[in-house]
Amino acid sequence: MADYVTNSKAYFDYEILETIEAGLVLEGHEVKSIKTGKASIKGSYVKILHDPASAKASAGEAYLIGATISPYQPANTPKDYDPQRSRKLLLSKKEISTLIGTSQAHGLTLVPLKIYDKKGRLKLLVGIARGKKKYDKRETIKRKDIQRAKERGTFEE
């Protein structure tokens, strides 16, 4: 499995509690663009939208919002192409209902972690996350600094 896009900032800003794999609805040139590394999921999030008028109001649909996928070949890209459009995620009704339940009940966030290849298909790893406080972030930085110093052999207690 090749990782094409990762959201390293998500691991710093959030405490990841659980992950779910989702498929992405993409156009052909978007797939090529992701595979060449012209995509970013920093600052993006997953949102579940329900249509109250619909008969399927209980489940809703999941969307990736705020991800940027640059054109693969700018000269050949459709004129109406929006690099930051919302992209539908392919999840089962059961997965969507559990996401709705956990995110609303516990005040958690749905954060995209990485886009990778699995058996020729692009998948998005979605993390159910809790936001870190400022002191938690400082603790993470401190642990990383201590680990780096230990690896160098300059760490003194």
C-alpha atoms as a PDB file:
ATOM      1  CA  MET A   1       0.000   0.000   0.000  1.00  0.00           C
ATOM      2  CA  ALA A   2       1.446   3.334  -1.075  1.00  0.00           C
ATOM      3  CA  ASP A   3       0.667   6.455   0.946  1.00  0.00           C
ATOM      4  CA  TYR A   4       0.058   9.351  -1.423  1.00  0.00           C
ATOM      5  CA  VAL A   5      -1.118  12.098   0.944  1.00  0.00           C
ATOM      6  CA  THR A   6      -0.762  12.304   4.733  1.00  0.00           C
ATOM      7  CA  ASN A   7      -2.073  14.788   7.244  1.00  0.00           C
ATOM      8  CA  SER A   8       0.792  14.931   9.748  1.00  0.00           C
ATOM      9  CA  LYS A   9      -0.694  17.983  11.476  1.00  0.00           C
ATOM     10  CA  ALA A  10      -3.708  15.876  12.489  1.00  0.00           C
ATOM     11  CA  TYR A  11      -1.584  13.688  14.774  1.00  0.00           C
ATOM     12  CA  PHE A  12      -0.240  16.820  16.505  1.00  0.00           C
ATOM     13  CA  ASP A  13      -3.586  18.628  16.879  1.00  0.00           C
ATOM     14  CA  TYR A  14      -5.767  15.610  17.683  1.00  0.00           C
ATOM     15  CA  GLU A  15      -5.722  12.464  19.769  1.00  0.00           C
ATOM     16  CA  ILE A  16      -6.831   9.726  17.342  1.00  0.00           C
ATOM     17  CA  LEU A  17      -9.194   7.294  19.086  1.00  0.00           C
ATOM     18  CA  GLU A  18     -10.344   5.107  16.188  1.00  0.00           C
ATOM     19  CA  THR A  19      -9.884   4.897  12.414  1.00  0.00           C
ATOM     20  CA  ILE A  20     -12.216   3.938   9.571  1.00  0.00           C
ATOM     21  CA  GLU A  21     -11.348   3.251   5.924  1.00  0.00           C
ATOM     22  CA  ALA A  22     -13.525   4.956   3.304  1.00  0.00           C
ATOM     23  CA  GLY A  23     -13.571   4.982  -0.472  1.00  0.00           C
ATOM     24  CA  LEU A  24     -13.511   8.257  -2.409  1.00  0.00           C
ATOM     25  CA  VAL A  25     -15.670   9.331  -5.346  1.00  0.00           C
ATOM     26  CA  LEU A  26     -13.135  10.950  -7.704  1.00  0.00           C
ATOM     27  CA  GLU A  27     -12.821  11.890 -11.341  1.00  0.00           C
ATOM     28  CA  GLY A  28     -10.134  10.220 -13.464  1.00  0.00           C
ATOM     29  CA  HIS A  29      -7.802  13.215 -13.601  1.00  0.00           C
ATOM     30  CA  GLU A  30      -8.092  13.624  -9.809  1.00  0.00           C
ATOM     31  CA  VAL A  31      -6.829  10.064  -9.304  1.00  0.00           C
ATOM     32  CA  LYS A  32      -3.808  10.778 -11.529  1.00  0.00           C
ATOM     33  CA  SER A  33      -3.178  14.014  -9.661  1.00  0.00           C
ATOM     34  CA  ILE A  34      -3.232  12.279  -6.261  1.00  0.00           C
ATOM     35  CA  LYS A  35      -0.893   9.549  -7.488  1.00  0.00           C
ATOM     36  CA  THR A  36       1.615  12.204  -8.623  1.00  0.00           C
ATOM     37  CA  GLY A  37       1.444  13.951  -5.232  1.00  0.00           C
ATOM     38  CA  LYS A  38      -0.542  17.048  -6.229  1.00  0.00           C
ATOM     39  CA  ALA A  39      -3.009  16.850  -3.352  1.00  0.00           C
ATOM     40  CA  SER A  40      -3.315  18.109   0.212  1.00  0.00           C
ATOM     41  CA  ILE A  41      -5.665  17.179   3.059  1.00  0.00           C
ATOM     42  CA  LYS A  42      -4.261  19.636   5.619  1.00  0.00           C
ATOM     43  CA  GLY A  43      -7.059  21.605   7.199  1.00  0.00           C
ATOM     44  CA  SER A  44      -9.742  19.371   5.723  1.00  0.00           C
ATOM     45  CA  TYR A  45     -12.439  17.511   7.616  1.00  0.00           C
ATOM     46  CA  VAL A  46     -15.211  14.959   7.156  1.00  0.00           C
ATOM     47  CA  LYS A  47     -18.814  16.019   7.542  1.00  0.00           C
ATOM     48  CA  ILE A  48     -21.955  13.897   7.507  1.00  0.00           C
ATOM     49  CA  LEU A  49     -24.912  15.612   5.855  1.00  0.00           C
ATOM     50  CA  HIS A  50     -28.527  14.443   6.138  1.00  0.00           C
ATOM     51  CA  ASP A  51     -31.402  15.427   3.931  1.00  0.00           C
ATOM     52  CA  PRO A  52     -34.435  15.634   6.252  1.00  0.00           C
ATOM     53  CA  ALA A  53     -36.851  15.403   3.302  1.00  0.00           C
ATOM     54  CA  SER A  54     -35.246  12.170   2.119  1.00  0.00           C
ATOM     55  CA  ALA A  55     -36.519   8.750   3.133  1.00  0.00           C
ATOM     56  CA  LYS A  56     -32.927   7.836   4.035  1.00  0.00           C
ATOM     57  CA  ALA A  57     -32.659  10.631   6.635  1.00  0.00           C
ATOM     58  CA  SER A  58     -31.361   8.273   9.318  1.00  0.00           C
ATOM     59  CA  ALA A  59     -28.091   7.503   7.554  1.00  0.00           C
ATOM     60  CA  GLY A  60     -26.972  10.597   5.650  1.00  0.00           C
ATOM     61  CA  GLU A  61     -23.898  10.848   3.444  1.00  0.00           C
ATOM     62  CA  ALA A  62     -20.267  11.539   4.346  1.00  0.00           C
ATOM     63  CA  TYR A  63     -18.227  14.170   2.500  1.00  0.00           C
ATOM     64  CA  LEU A  64     -14.574  15.203   2.522  1.00  0.00           C
ATOM     65  CA  ILE A  65     -14.532  18.991   2.761  1.00  0.00           C
ATOM     66  CA  GLY A  66     -11.585  21.313   2.288  1.00  0.00           C
ATOM     67  CA  ALA A  67      -9.176  18.902   0.572  1.00  0.00           C
ATOM     68  CA  THR A  68      -7.264  20.361  -2.358  1.00  0.00           C
ATOM     69  CA  ILE A  69      -6.525  18.256  -5.432  1.00  0.00           C
ATOM     70  CA  SER A  70      -4.630  20.322  -8.003  1.00  0.00           C
ATOM     71  CA  PRO A  71      -5.206  19.681 -11.711  1.00  0.00           C
ATOM     72  CA  TYR A  72      -3.141  16.865 -13.203  1.00  0.00           C
ATOM     73  CA  GLN A  73      -2.598  18.701 -16.495  1.00  0.00           C
ATOM     74  CA  PRO A  74      -3.857  22.285 -16.119  1.00  0.00           C
ATOM     75  CA  ALA A  75      -4.270  22.732 -19.902  1.00  0.00           C
ATOM     76  CA  ASN A  76      -6.510  19.639 -20.196  1.00  0.00           C
ATOM     77  CA  THR A  77      -8.543  20.141 -17.012  1.00  0.00           C
ATOM     78  CA  PRO A  78     -12.278  20.863 -17.433  1.00  0.00           C
ATOM     79  CA  LYS A  79     -13.065  24.589 -17.245  1.00  0.00           C
ATOM     80  CA  ASP A  80     -15.531  24.173 -14.380  1.00  0.00           C
ATOM     81  CA  TYR A  81     -13.125  22.099 -12.233  1.00  0.00           C
ATOM     82  CA  ASP A  82     -12.946  23.194  -8.576  1.00  0.00           C
ATOM     83  CA  PRO A  83      -9.824  21.855  -6.760  1.00  0.00           C
ATOM     84  CA  GLN A  84     -11.522  22.239  -3.356  1.00  0.00           C
ATOM     85  CA  ARG A  85     -14.909  20.752  -4.118  1.00  0.00           C
ATOM     86  CA  SER A  86     -16.573  18.449  -1.592  1.00  0.00           C
ATOM     87  CA  ARG A  87     -15.956  14.799  -2.386  1.00  0.00           C
ATOM     88  CA  LYS A  88     -18.339  12.038  -1.378  1.00  0.00           C
ATOM     89  CA  LEU A  89     -17.014   9.204   0.788  1.00  0.00           C
ATOM     90  CA  LEU A  90     -18.118   5.629   0.269  1.00  0.00           C
ATOM     91  CA  LEU A  91     -19.212   4.214   3.617  1.00  0.00           C
ATOM     92  CA  SER A  92     -21.907   1.742   4.572  1.00  0.00           C
ATOM     93  CA  LYS A  93     -25.030   2.927   6.384  1.00  0.00           C
ATOM     94  CA  LYS A  94     -23.849   1.120   9.494  1.00  0.00           C
ATOM     95  CA  GLU A  95     -20.468   2.909   9.440  1.00  0.00           C
ATOM     96  CA  ILE A  96     -22.140   6.285   8.917  1.00  0.00           C
ATOM     97  CA  SER A  97     -24.557   5.717  11.805  1.00  0.00           C
ATOM     98  CA  THR A  98     -21.686   4.766  14.140  1.00  0.00           C
ATOM     99  CA  LEU A  99     -19.758   7.854  13.037  1.00  0.00           C
ATOM    100  CA  ILE A 100     -22.790  10.032  13.730  1.00  0.00           C
ATOM    101  CA  GLY A 101     -23.313   8.417  17.136  1.00  0.00           C
ATOM    102  CA  THR A 102     -19.732   8.689  18.352  1.00  0.00           C
ATOM    103  CA  SER A 103     -19.038  12.169  16.999  1.00  0.00           C
ATOM    104  CA  GLN A 104     -22.229  13.727  18.376  1.00  0.00           C
ATOM    105  CA  ALA A 105     -22.369  11.899  21.701  1.00  0.00           C
ATOM    106  CA  HIS A 106     -18.799  12.557  22.748  1.00  0.00           C
ATOM    107  CA  GLY A 107     -18.084  15.819  20.883  1.00  0.00           C
ATOM    108  CA  LEU A 108     -15.472  14.209  18.646  1.00  0.00           C
ATOM    109  CA  THR A 109     -14.198  15.305  15.233  1.00  0.00           C
ATOM    110  CA  LEU A 110     -13.816  13.333  11.994  1.00  0.00           C
ATOM    111  CA  VAL A 111     -10.346  14.045  10.598  1.00  0.00           C
ATOM    112  CA  PRO A 112      -8.854  12.697   7.339  1.00  0.00           C
ATOM    113  CA  LEU A 113      -5.462  11.123   8.098  1.00  0.00           C
ATOM    114  CA  LYS A 114      -4.144   9.822   4.781  1.00  0.00           C
ATOM    115  CA  ILE A 115      -5.014   8.828   1.230  1.00  0.00           C
ATOM    116  CA  TYR A 116      -3.483   5.543   0.139  1.00  0.00           C
ATOM    117  CA  ASP A 117      -3.767   2.810  -2.462  1.00  0.00           C
ATOM    118  CA  LYS A 118      -5.347  -0.539  -1.628  1.00  0.00           C
ATOM    119  CA  LYS A 119      -5.731  -3.127  -4.390  1.00  0.00           C
ATOM    120  CA  GLY A 120      -5.713  -0.448  -7.076  1.00  0.00           C
ATOM    121  CA  ARG A 121      -8.302   1.764  -5.354  1.00  0.00           C
ATOM    122  CA  LEU A 122      -7.695   5.022  -3.500  1.00  0.00           C
ATOM    123  CA  LYS A 123      -8.863   4.931   0.102  1.00  0.00           C
ATOM    124  CA  LEU A 124      -9.133   7.624   2.767  1.00  0.00           C
ATOM    125  CA  LEU A 125      -8.284   6.812   6.372  1.00  0.00           C
ATOM    126  CA  VAL A 126     -10.668   8.790   8.590  1.00  0.00           C
ATOM    127  CA  GLY A 127      -9.825   9.236  12.252  1.00  0.00           C
ATOM    128  CA  ILE A 128     -12.340   9.751  15.020  1.00  0.00           C
ATOM    129  CA  ALA A 129     -10.413  12.274  17.074  1.00  0.00           C
ATOM    130  CA  ARG A 130     -10.540  14.425  20.174  1.00  0.00           C
ATOM    131  CA  GLY A 131      -8.851  17.835  19.986  1.00  0.00           C
ATOM    132  CA  LYS A 132      -5.734  18.276  22.126  1.00  0.00           C
ATOM    133  CA  LYS A 133      -5.410  21.135  24.570  1.00  0.00           C
ATOM    134  CA  LYS A 134      -2.391  23.431  24.493  1.00  0.00           C
ATOM    135  CA  TYR A 135      -0.724  21.669  27.427  1.00  0.00           C
ATOM    136  CA  ASP A 136      -1.159  18.292  25.681  1.00  0.00           C
ATOM    137  CA  LYS A 137       0.622  19.679  22.609  1.00  0.00           C
ATOM    138  CA  ARG A 138       3.486  20.969  24.781  1.00  0.00           C
ATOM    139  CA  GLU A 139       3.784  17.530  26.354  1.00  0.00           C
ATOM    140  CA  THR A 140       3.985  15.944  22.884  1.00  0.00           C
ATOM    141  CA  ILE A 141       6.749  18.355  21.847  1.00  0.00           C
ATOM    142  CA  LYS A 142       8.639  17.639  25.082  1.00  0.00           C
ATOM    143  CA  ARG A 143       8.448  13.857  24.511  1.00  0.00           C
ATOM    144  CA  LYS A 144       9.702  14.230  20.931  1.00  0.00           C
ATOM    145  CA  ASP A 145      12.628  16.419  22.078  1.00  0.00           C
ATOM    146  CA  ILE A 146      13.625  13.905  24.763  1.00  0.00           C
ATOM    147  CA  GLN A 147      13.429  11.022  22.257  1.00  0.00           C
ATOM    148  CA  ARG A 148      15.579  12.962  19.773  1.00  0.00           C
ATOM    149  CA  ALA A 149      18.157  13.728  22.473  1.00  0.00           C
ATOM    150  CA  LYS A 150      18.278  10.051  23.506  1.00  0.00           C
ATOM    151  CA  GLU A 151      18.914   9.002  19.910  1.00  0.00           C
ATOM    152  CA  ARG A 152      21.768  11.506  19.655  1.00  0.00           C
ATOM    153  CA  GLY A 153      23.179  10.401  23.017  1.00  0.00           C
ATOM    154  CA  THR A 154      22.999  13.898  24.521  1.00  0.00           C
ATOM    155  CA  PHE A 155      20.110  13.270  26.917  1.00  0.00           C
ATOM    156  CA  GLU A 156      20.816  13.913  30.623  1.00  0.00           C
ATOM    157  CA  GLU A 157      18.202  13.455  33.330  1.00  0.00           C
END
